[in-house]
C-alpha atoms as a PDB file:
ATOM      1  CA  MET A   1       0.000   0.000   0.000  1.00  0.00           C
ATOM      2  CA  ILE A   2       1.237   3.497  -0.893  1.00  0.00           C
ATOM      3  CA  VAL A   3       0.309   6.256   1.559  1.00  0.00           C
ATOM      4  CA  ASP A   4       1.120   9.906   0.815  1.00  0.00           C
ATOM      5  CA  CYS A   5       1.723  11.991   3.932  1.00  0.00           C
ATOM      6  CA  HIS A   6       1.661  15.417   2.266  1.00  0.00           C
ATOM      7  CA  LEU A   7      -1.354  16.410   0.159  1.00  0.00           C
ATOM      8  CA  HIS A   8      -2.562  20.013   0.338  1.00  0.00           C
ATOM      9  CA  VAL A   9      -6.147  20.548  -0.761  1.00  0.00           C
ATOM     10  CA  TRP A  10      -8.479  23.561  -0.829  1.00  0.00           C
ATOM     11  CA  PRO A  11     -12.115  24.327  -1.630  1.00  0.00           C
ATOM     12  CA  ASP A  12     -12.502  24.929  -5.353  1.00  0.00           C
ATOM     13  CA  HIS A  13     -12.693  28.732  -5.173  1.00  0.00           C
ATOM     14  CA  ILE A  14      -9.588  28.967  -2.985  1.00  0.00           C
ATOM     15  CA  ALA A  15      -7.720  26.486  -5.180  1.00  0.00           C
ATOM     16  CA  ARG A  16      -8.280  28.787  -8.156  1.00  0.00           C
ATOM     17  CA  ALA A  17      -6.826  31.723  -6.210  1.00  0.00           C
ATOM     18  CA  MET A  18      -3.808  29.655  -5.163  1.00  0.00           C
ATOM     19  CA  GLN A  19      -2.926  29.179  -8.826  1.00  0.00           C
ATOM     20  CA  GLU A  20      -2.388  32.947  -9.010  1.00  0.00           C
ATOM     21  CA  GLN A  21      -0.693  33.390  -5.619  1.00  0.00           C
ATOM     22  CA  ARG A  22       1.896  30.628  -6.190  1.00  0.00           C
ATOM     23  CA  PRO A  23       2.705  29.667  -2.568  1.00  0.00           C
ATOM     24  CA  ALA A  24       6.320  30.532  -1.707  1.00  0.00           C
ATOM     25  CA  GLY A  25       6.798  31.470  -5.358  1.00  0.00           C
ATOM     26  CA  MET A  26       6.381  27.828  -6.372  1.00  0.00           C
ATOM     27  CA  LYS A  27       4.242  26.907  -9.381  1.00  0.00           C
ATOM     28  CA  LEU A  28       1.398  24.509  -8.644  1.00  0.00           C
ATOM     29  CA  GLN A  29       1.659  21.446 -10.889  1.00  0.00           C
ATOM     30  CA  PHE A  30      -1.984  20.449 -10.259  1.00  0.00           C
ATOM     31  CA  ASP A  31      -5.195  22.325  -9.508  1.00  0.00           C
ATOM     32  CA  GLY A  32      -5.353  21.848  -5.724  1.00  0.00           C
ATOM     33  CA  THR A  33      -9.007  20.757  -5.688  1.00  0.00           C
ATOM     34  CA  LEU A  34     -10.403  17.683  -3.975  1.00  0.00           C
ATOM     35  CA  ASP A  35     -11.526  16.146  -7.280  1.00  0.00           C
ATOM     36  CA  GLY A  36      -8.107  16.873  -8.763  1.00  0.00           C
ATOM     37  CA  LEU A  37      -6.393  15.261  -5.803  1.00  0.00           C
ATOM     38  CA  LEU A  38      -8.424  12.056  -6.050  1.00  0.00           C
ATOM     39  CA  ARG A  39      -7.709  11.833  -9.794  1.00  0.00           C
ATOM     40  CA  THR A  40      -3.990  12.292  -9.129  1.00  0.00           C
ATOM     41  CA  MET A  41      -4.038   9.611  -6.441  1.00  0.00           C
ATOM     42  CA  ASP A  42      -5.710   7.169  -8.820  1.00  0.00           C
ATOM     43  CA  ALA A  43      -3.252   7.949 -11.618  1.00  0.00           C
ATOM     44  CA  SER A  44      -0.244   7.646  -9.276  1.00  0.00           C
ATOM     45  CA  GLY A  45      -1.291   4.436  -7.535  1.00  0.00           C
ATOM     46  CA  ILE A  46      -1.721   6.104  -4.132  1.00  0.00           C
ATOM     47  CA  ASP A  47      -4.072   4.120  -1.910  1.00  0.00           C
ATOM     48  CA  ARG A  48      -4.449   6.537   1.004  1.00  0.00           C
ATOM     49  CA  GLY A  49      -3.185   9.990   1.906  1.00  0.00           C
ATOM     50  CA  CYS A  50      -3.234  12.797   4.435  1.00  0.00           C
ATOM     51  CA  ALA A  51      -5.373  15.735   3.309  1.00  0.00           C
ATOM     52  CA  LEU A  52      -3.791  18.846   4.810  1.00  0.00           C
ATOM     53  CA  GLY A  53      -5.613  22.071   5.613  1.00  0.00           C
ATOM     54  CA  VAL A  54      -3.699  25.202   6.643  1.00  0.00           C
ATOM     55  CA  GLY A  55      -5.457  28.207   8.163  1.00  0.00           C
ATOM     56  CA  ILE A  56      -3.205  31.200   7.537  1.00  0.00           C
ATOM     57  CA  LYS A  57      -4.970  33.258  10.218  1.00  0.00           C
ATOM     58  CA  ALA A  58      -7.147  32.573  13.215  1.00  0.00           C
ATOM     59  CA  SER A  59     -10.344  33.750  11.526  1.00  0.00           C
ATOM     60  CA  VAL A  60     -10.242  30.959   8.925  1.00  0.00           C
ATOM     61  CA  VAL A  61      -9.415  28.047  11.236  1.00  0.00           C
ATOM     62  CA  GLU A  62     -13.022  26.931  11.640  1.00  0.00           C
ATOM     63  CA  ARG A  63     -13.846  27.143   7.925  1.00  0.00           C
ATOM     64  CA  THR A  64     -10.661  25.275   7.044  1.00  0.00           C
ATOM     65  CA  ASN A  65     -11.443  22.495   9.487  1.00  0.00           C
ATOM     66  CA  GLU A  66     -15.038  22.273   8.293  1.00  0.00           C
ATOM     67  CA  PHE A  67     -13.796  21.700   4.741  1.00  0.00           C
ATOM     68  CA  ILE A  68     -11.073  19.200   5.662  1.00  0.00           C
ATOM     69  CA  GLY A  69     -13.604  17.320   7.771  1.00  0.00           C
ATOM     70  CA  THR A  70     -15.617  16.565   4.607  1.00  0.00           C
ATOM     71  CA  VAL A  71     -12.905  14.649   2.690  1.00  0.00           C
ATOM     72  CA  PRO A  72     -13.733  11.010   1.830  1.00  0.00           C
ATOM     73  CA  ARG A  73     -12.384   8.896   4.675  1.00  0.00           C
ATOM     74  CA  ASP A  74     -11.881   5.794   2.535  1.00  0.00           C
ATOM     75  CA  ARG A  75      -9.052   7.585   0.709  1.00  0.00           C
ATOM     76  CA  LEU A  76      -7.992  10.529   2.855  1.00  0.00           C
ATOM     77  CA  VAL A  77      -7.071  11.120   6.498  1.00  0.00           C
ATOM     78  CA  PRO A  78      -8.111  14.654   7.518  1.00  0.00           C
ATOM     79  CA  PHE A  79      -5.361  16.831   8.988  1.00  0.00           C
ATOM     80  CA  GLY A  80      -6.749  20.168  10.061  1.00  0.00           C
ATOM     81  CA  THR A  81      -5.372  23.445  11.286  1.00  0.00           C
ATOM     82  CA  VAL A  82      -4.735  25.334  14.500  1.00  0.00           C
ATOM     83  CA  HIS A  83      -3.592  28.869  15.225  1.00  0.00           C
ATOM     84  CA  PRO A  84      -1.915  30.362  18.322  1.00  0.00           C
ATOM     85  CA  GLU A  85      -4.232  33.387  18.314  1.00  0.00           C
ATOM     86  CA  LEU A  86      -6.989  31.005  19.381  1.00  0.00           C
ATOM     87  CA  SER A  87      -7.024  29.364  22.786  1.00  0.00           C
ATOM     88  CA  VAL A  88      -5.955  25.768  23.235  1.00  0.00           C
ATOM     89  CA  GLU A  89      -9.567  24.854  23.958  1.00  0.00           C
ATOM     90  CA  GLN A  90     -10.863  26.589  20.812  1.00  0.00           C
ATOM     91  CA  ASN A  91      -8.319  24.825  18.639  1.00  0.00           C
ATOM     92  CA  VAL A  92      -8.991  21.367  20.045  1.00  0.00           C
ATOM     93  CA  ARG A  93     -12.757  21.826  19.908  1.00  0.00           C
ATOM     94  CA  SER A  94     -12.641  22.859  16.230  1.00  0.00           C
ATOM     95  CA  LEU A  95     -10.667  19.726  15.367  1.00  0.00           C
ATOM     96  CA  LYS A  96     -12.935  17.390  17.331  1.00  0.00           C
ATOM     97  CA  ASP A  97     -16.160  18.966  16.086  1.00  0.00           C
ATOM     98  CA  ASN A  98     -15.091  18.229  12.526  1.00  0.00           C
ATOM     99  CA  GLY A  99     -13.828  14.701  13.140  1.00  0.00           C
ATOM    100  CA  ILE A 100     -10.223  15.621  12.354  1.00  0.00           C
ATOM    101  CA  VAL A 101      -7.512  13.238  13.495  1.00  0.00           C
ATOM    102  CA  GLY A 102      -4.310  15.267  13.038  1.00  0.00           C
ATOM    103  CA  VAL A 103      -2.882  18.732  12.420  1.00  0.00           C
ATOM    104  CA  LYS A 104      -0.754  20.416   9.779  1.00  0.00           C
ATOM    105  CA  LEU A 105       1.434  23.250  11.096  1.00  0.00           C
ATOM    106  CA  HIS A 106       3.100  25.588   8.621  1.00  0.00           C
ATOM    107  CA  PRO A 107       5.508  28.236   9.999  1.00  0.00           C
ATOM    108  CA  LEU A 108       5.841  29.711   6.495  1.00  0.00           C
ATOM    109  CA  PHE A 109       2.198  30.236   5.522  1.00  0.00           C
ATOM    110  CA  GLN A 110       0.863  30.853   9.027  1.00  0.00           C
ATOM    111  CA  THR A 111       3.624  33.238  10.173  1.00  0.00           C
ATOM    112  CA  VAL A 112       3.964  31.024  13.245  1.00  0.00           C
ATOM    113  CA  SER A 113       7.198  30.099  15.004  1.00  0.00           C
ATOM    114  CA  LEU A 114       7.996  26.647  16.318  1.00  0.00           C
ATOM    115  CA  ALA A 115       9.482  28.472  19.321  1.00  0.00           C
ATOM    116  CA  ASP A 116       6.214  30.226  20.226  1.00  0.00           C
ATOM    117  CA  PRO A 117       5.091  29.105  23.725  1.00  0.00           C
ATOM    118  CA  ARG A 118       1.488  29.229  22.501  1.00  0.00           C
ATOM    119  CA  VAL A 119       2.344  26.687  19.806  1.00  0.00           C
ATOM    120  CA  HIS A 120       3.963  24.501  22.467  1.00  0.00           C
ATOM    121  CA  ASP A 121       0.802  24.625  24.571  1.00  0.00           C
ATOM    122  CA  ILE A 122      -1.419  23.678  21.622  1.00  0.00           C
ATOM    123  CA  LEU A 123       0.829  20.804  20.606  1.00  0.00           C
ATOM    124  CA  ALA A 124       0.990  19.568  24.200  1.00  0.00           C
ATOM    125  CA  ALA A 125      -2.798  19.334  24.171  1.00  0.00           C
ATOM    126  CA  LEU A 126      -2.729  17.519  20.819  1.00  0.00           C
ATOM    127  CA  SER A 127      -0.208  15.090  22.277  1.00  0.00           C
ATOM    128  CA  ASP A 128      -2.596  14.389  25.146  1.00  0.00           C
ATOM    129  CA  GLU A 129      -5.323  13.693  22.561  1.00  0.00           C
ATOM    130  CA  GLY A 130      -3.042  11.353  20.602  1.00  0.00           C
ATOM    131  CA  MET A 131      -3.247  13.549  17.501  1.00  0.00           C
ATOM    132  CA  PRO A 132      -0.236  13.460  15.148  1.00  0.00           C
ATOM    133  CA  VAL A 133       1.222  16.742  13.876  1.00  0.00           C
ATOM    134  CA  ILE A 134       2.845  17.296  10.479  1.00  0.00           C
ATOM    135  CA  THR A 135       4.968  20.442  10.241  1.00  0.00           C
ATOM    136  CA  HIS A 136       6.963  22.233   7.586  1.00  0.00           C
ATOM    137  CA  VAL A 137      10.607  22.568   8.594  1.00  0.00           C
ATOM    138  CA  GLY A 138      13.342  24.532   6.859  1.00  0.00           C
ATOM    139  CA  ALA A 139      13.548  27.333   4.339  1.00  0.00           C
ATOM    140  CA  GLY A 140      10.693  29.655   3.485  1.00  0.00           C
ATOM    141  CA  ALA A 141      10.219  32.719   1.365  1.00  0.00           C
ATOM    142  CA  ASP A 142      12.461  35.024   3.407  1.00  0.00           C
ATOM    143  CA  PRO A 143      15.022  34.947   6.266  1.00  0.00           C
ATOM    144  CA  GLU A 144      12.339  35.555   8.883  1.00  0.00           C
ATOM    145  CA  ALA A 145      10.297  32.615   7.618  1.00  0.00           C
ATOM    146  CA  ASN A 146      13.446  30.488   7.616  1.00  0.00           C
ATOM    147  CA  GLU A 147      13.958  31.086  11.319  1.00  0.00           C
ATOM    148  CA  ARG A 148      10.342  30.376  12.269  1.00  0.00           C
ATOM    149  CA  GLY A 149      10.723  26.824  11.008  1.00  0.00           C
ATOM    150  CA  ALA A 150      14.410  26.199  11.712  1.00  0.00           C
ATOM    151  CA  PRO A 151      15.489  22.581  12.307  1.00  0.00           C
ATOM    152  CA  VAL A 152      16.964  23.448  15.701  1.00  0.00           C
ATOM    153  CA  LEU A 153      13.564  24.758  16.847  1.00  0.00           C
ATOM    154  CA  LEU A 154      11.911  21.545  15.740  1.00  0.00           C
ATOM    155  CA  ARG A 155      14.393  19.519  17.770  1.00  0.00           C
ATOM    156  CA  ARG A 156      13.718  21.598  20.883  1.00  0.00           C
ATOM    157  CA  LEU A 157       9.987  21.090  20.376  1.00  0.00           C
ATOM    158  CA  ALA A 158      10.395  17.340  19.948  1.00  0.00           C
ATOM    159  CA  ASP A 159      12.567  17.084  23.057  1.00  0.00           C
ATOM    160  CA  ALA A 160      10.061  19.109  25.091  1.00  0.00           C
ATOM    161  CA  LEU A 161       7.100  16.957  23.943  1.00  0.00           C
ATOM    162  CA  PRO A 162       8.489  13.407  23.693  1.00  0.00           C
ATOM    163  CA  ASP A 163       5.053  11.783  23.462  1.00  0.00           C
ATOM    164  CA  LEU A 164       3.902  13.927  20.529  1.00  0.00           C
ATOM    165  CA  LYS A 165       3.605  12.082  17.203  1.00  0.00           C
ATOM    166  CA  LEU A 166       5.595  14.655  15.244  1.00  0.00           C
ATOM    167  CA  ILE A 167       6.264  14.361  11.505  1.00  0.00           C
ATOM    168  CA  ALA A 168       8.900  16.706  10.044  1.00  0.00           C
ATOM    169  CA  CYS A 169       8.458  17.539   6.372  1.00  0.00           C
ATOM    170  CA  HIS A 170      11.339  17.764   3.896  1.00  0.00           C
ATOM    171  CA  TYR A 171      13.688  15.435   5.812  1.00  0.00           C
ATOM    172  CA  GLY A 172      13.554  17.899   8.705  1.00  0.00           C
ATOM    173  CA  GLY A 173      15.015  20.867   6.847  1.00  0.00           C
ATOM    174  CA  TYR A 174      13.941  22.116   3.412  1.00  0.00           C
ATOM    175  CA  HIS A 175      17.065  23.545   1.736  1.00  0.00           C
ATOM    176  CA  ARG A 176      18.726  23.312   5.179  1.00  0.00           C
ATOM    177  CA  LEU A 177      19.664  19.672   5.048  1.00  0.00           C
ATOM    178  CA  ASP A 178      22.977  20.072   6.871  1.00  0.00           C
ATOM    179  CA  GLU A 179      21.103  21.592   9.818  1.00  0.00           C
ATOM    180  CA  ALA A 180      18.542  18.808   9.659  1.00  0.00           C
ATOM    181  CA  GLU A 181      21.308  16.225   9.846  1.00  0.00           C
ATOM    182  CA  GLU A 182      22.776  18.021  12.843  1.00  0.00           C
ATOM    183  CA  HIS A 183      19.599  18.615  14.825  1.00  0.00           C
ATOM    184  CA  VAL A 184      16.785  16.363  13.567  1.00  0.00           C
ATOM    185  CA  VAL A 185      18.183  13.163  12.063  1.00  0.00           C
ATOM    186  CA  GLY A 186      18.425  10.585  14.822  1.00  0.00           C
ATOM    187  CA  SER A 187      15.823  12.350  16.984  1.00  0.00           C
ATOM    188  CA  SER A 188      12.396  11.013  17.991  1.00  0.00           C
ATOM    189  CA  VAL A 189      10.531  12.668  15.088  1.00  0.00           C
ATOM    190  CA  THR A 190       9.324  10.912  11.955  1.00  0.00           C
ATOM    191  CA  LEU A 191      10.890  12.298   8.775  1.00  0.00           C
ATOM    192  CA  GLU A 192       8.906  12.922   5.594  1.00  0.00           C
ATOM    193  CA  THR A 193      10.467  12.831   2.125  1.00  0.00           C
ATOM    194  CA  SER A 194       8.986  15.695   0.088  1.00  0.00           C
ATOM    195  CA  TRP A 195      11.322  18.188  -1.588  1.00  0.00           C
ATOM    196  CA  PRO A 196       9.359  20.266  -4.112  1.00  0.00           C
ATOM    197  CA  PRO A 197       9.475  20.610  -7.017  1.00  0.00           C
ATOM    198  CA  THR A 198      11.095  17.146  -6.874  1.00  0.00           C
ATOM    199  CA  MET A 199      13.115  14.998  -4.511  1.00  0.00           C
ATOM    200  CA  ALA A 200      15.070  13.778  -7.541  1.00  0.00           C
ATOM    201  CA  GLU A 201      17.306  16.858  -7.254  1.00  0.00           C
ATOM    202  CA  LEU A 202      18.853  15.444  -4.060  1.00  0.00           C
ATOM    203  CA  GLU A 203      21.845  13.104  -4.227  1.00  0.00           C
ATOM    204  CA  PRO A 204      20.509   9.537  -3.816  1.00  0.00           C
ATOM    205  CA  GLU A 205      23.517   8.382  -1.815  1.00  0.00           C
ATOM    206  CA  LYS A 206      23.079  11.220   0.665  1.00  0.00           C
ATOM    207  CA  VAL A 207      19.363  10.526   1.025  1.00  0.00           C
ATOM    208  CA  VAL A 208      19.888   6.800   1.614  1.00  0.00           C
ATOM    209  CA  ALA A 209      22.555   7.500   4.224  1.00  0.00           C
ATOM    210  CA  LEU A 210      20.225   9.959   5.967  1.00  0.00           C
ATOM    211  CA  ILE A 211      17.307   7.509   5.940  1.00  0.00           C
ATOM    212  CA  ARG A 212      19.385   4.682   7.357  1.00  0.00           C
ATOM    213  CA  ARG A 213      20.968   6.863  10.001  1.00  0.00           C
ATOM    214  CA  HIS A 214      17.548   8.020  11.164  1.00  0.00           C
ATOM    215  CA  GLY A 215      16.005   4.570  10.765  1.00  0.00           C
ATOM    216  CA  ALA A 216      14.046   3.502   7.690  1.00  0.00           C
ATOM    217  CA  ASP A 217      11.186   2.526  10.011  1.00  0.00           C
ATOM    218  CA  ARG A 218      10.715   6.214  10.927  1.00  0.00           C
ATOM    219  CA  VAL A 219      10.651   7.801   7.454  1.00  0.00           C
ATOM    220  CA  VAL A 220       7.423   8.321   5.466  1.00  0.00           C
ATOM    221  CA  TYR A 221       6.777   9.231   1.860  1.00  0.00           C
ATOM    222  CA  GLY A 222       5.150  12.569   1.051  1.00  0.00           C
ATOM    223  CA  SER A 223       4.797  14.369  -2.267  1.00  0.00           C
ATOM    224  CA  ASP A 224       3.696  17.930  -1.342  1.00  0.00           C
ATOM    225  CA  TRP A 225       0.866  17.848  -3.905  1.00  0.00           C
ATOM    226  CA  PRO A 226      -0.042  20.063  -5.787  1.00  0.00           C
ATOM    227  CA  MET A 227       3.465  21.585  -5.762  1.00  0.00           C
ATOM    228  CA  ALA A 228       4.980  18.261  -6.848  1.00  0.00           C
ATOM    229  CA  ASP A 229       3.941  15.247  -8.924  1.00  0.00           C
ATOM    230  CA  PRO A 230       3.320  12.215  -6.685  1.00  0.00           C
ATOM    231  CA  ALA A 231       4.107   9.723  -9.455  1.00  0.00           C
ATOM    232  CA  ALA A 232       7.518  11.322  -9.985  1.00  0.00           C
ATOM    233  CA  GLU A 233       8.190  11.391  -6.246  1.00  0.00           C
ATOM    234  CA  ILE A 234       7.277   7.718  -5.847  1.00  0.00           C
ATOM    235  CA  ALA A 235       9.664   6.950  -8.704  1.00  0.00           C
ATOM    236  CA  ALA A 236      12.378   8.980  -6.961  1.00  0.00           C
ATOM    237  CA  ILE A 237      11.948   6.878  -3.797  1.00  0.00           C
ATOM    238  CA  ARG A 238      12.126   3.685  -5.857  1.00  0.00           C
ATOM    239  CA  ASN A 239      15.291   4.911  -7.586  1.00  0.00           C
ATOM    240  CA  LEU A 240      17.189   5.497  -4.329  1.00  0.00           C
ATOM    241  CA  GLY A 241      18.477   1.949  -4.048  1.00  0.00           C
ATOM    242  CA  LEU A 242      16.792   1.083  -0.755  1.00  0.00           C
ATOM    243  CA  THR A 243      16.156  -2.561   0.060  1.00  0.00           C
ATOM    244  CA  PRO A 244      12.657  -3.823  -0.859  1.00  0.00           C
ATOM    245  CA  GLU A 245      11.768  -3.880   2.841  1.00  0.00           C
ATOM    246  CA  GLU A 246      12.975  -0.300   3.389  1.00  0.00           C
ATOM    247  CA  GLU A 247      11.177   0.924   0.269  1.00  0.00           C
ATOM    248  CA  ALA A 248       7.878  -0.674   1.264  1.00  0.00           C
ATOM    249  CA  ALA A 249       8.148   0.788   4.754  1.00  0.00           C
ATOM    250  CA  VAL A 250       8.826   4.317   3.498  1.00  0.00           C
ATOM    251  CA  LEU A 251       6.169   4.270   0.784  1.00  0.00           C
ATOM    252  CA  GLY A 252       3.365   3.199   3.072  1.00  0.00           C
ATOM    253  CA  GLY A 253       4.090   0.749   5.846  1.00  0.00           C
ATOM    254  CA  ASN A 254       5.440   3.240   8.353  1.00  0.00           C
ATOM    255  CA  LEU A 255       2.662   5.790   7.952  1.00  0.00           C
ATOM    256  CA  SER A 256       0.001   3.072   7.993  1.00  0.00           C
ATOM    257  CA  ARG A 257       1.351   1.937  11.335  1.00  0.00           C
ATOM    258  CA  LEU A 258       1.656   5.461  12.754  1.00  0.00           C
ATOM    259  CA  LEU A 259      -1.915   6.384  11.768  1.00  0.00           C
ATOM    260  CA  GLY A 260      -3.439   2.979  12.504  1.00  0.00           C
ATOM    261  CA  LEU A 261      -4.691   2.518   8.942  1.00  0.00           C
END
C-alpha cells in the first residue's frame, strides 16, 4: 500500500486563487481541488493519503477544518489546522467537532514560530489527545520565515514533547539539510520525504545515508501535492536503491502503522 503523507487541498474557489498566488513562489503542478487530488491519487497508484488544511490566520481556522472534515475517509485522512491566536480549547474543539484526526502546522504560511510558547501549549494538548502533527521545517520565502521553522527549533519542540507524534516535512530541513542532519536526524521525530518541485534533485547516496541513520522505520513518503507530482516522487523513492523492505516501509508501511490505517 502506498500512503502519501503530504497532500494540500483547498475548496474549489480557494484552489483557483492559489494558482495565481503561487505559494512561496512555487508553481502549482496540479489544480489543488479535492476532485483533482483524487484523480492524481488514482493515476499515481496512491491508496491513502493525508489531506492537509492550513489556516493562515485565526479567523479561517473553523472554515478550514469544516472543509477538511468533509474529505472522503476511505481515501484521505483529515489533517486540520490550529492557530496560536486562538485558545488551546478553541483549537482542540474545532478539530474534534469536525472529526479531524491530526494537524498540519506551517511556519511559512501561518507566520507562526515553532518556538512560540502558545504553539507549544497547543501541541501539548494535541499530544494528550493522541493527535499526530505534520509540520513544515526549513527554508521559506524570506530569512524571517526560515527562522520560524528552523530545524533546531523543531528539535527543541520534539525534546520538550516526547510523546507527541511529530512528523517533520522535507527530511527535517527544506534547503537546510545540513542543519537537519545536525539537529533532527536521529531524533524522535518521523521524517517525511517531500522536496518540491522534486526529490530527484537530491543526491541519492546522501538521502539513503540519511534515511538509514535516522532509521528507515521512521521515514514516510510525502509528495507535497499540488506543488509536486506524486508519481515522480514515488519513482524517486524507488530509484534510491533502498532494500525492498525499506522501500515498502517508506512508501506506506510506516505511515500506515503510525496512523493505525
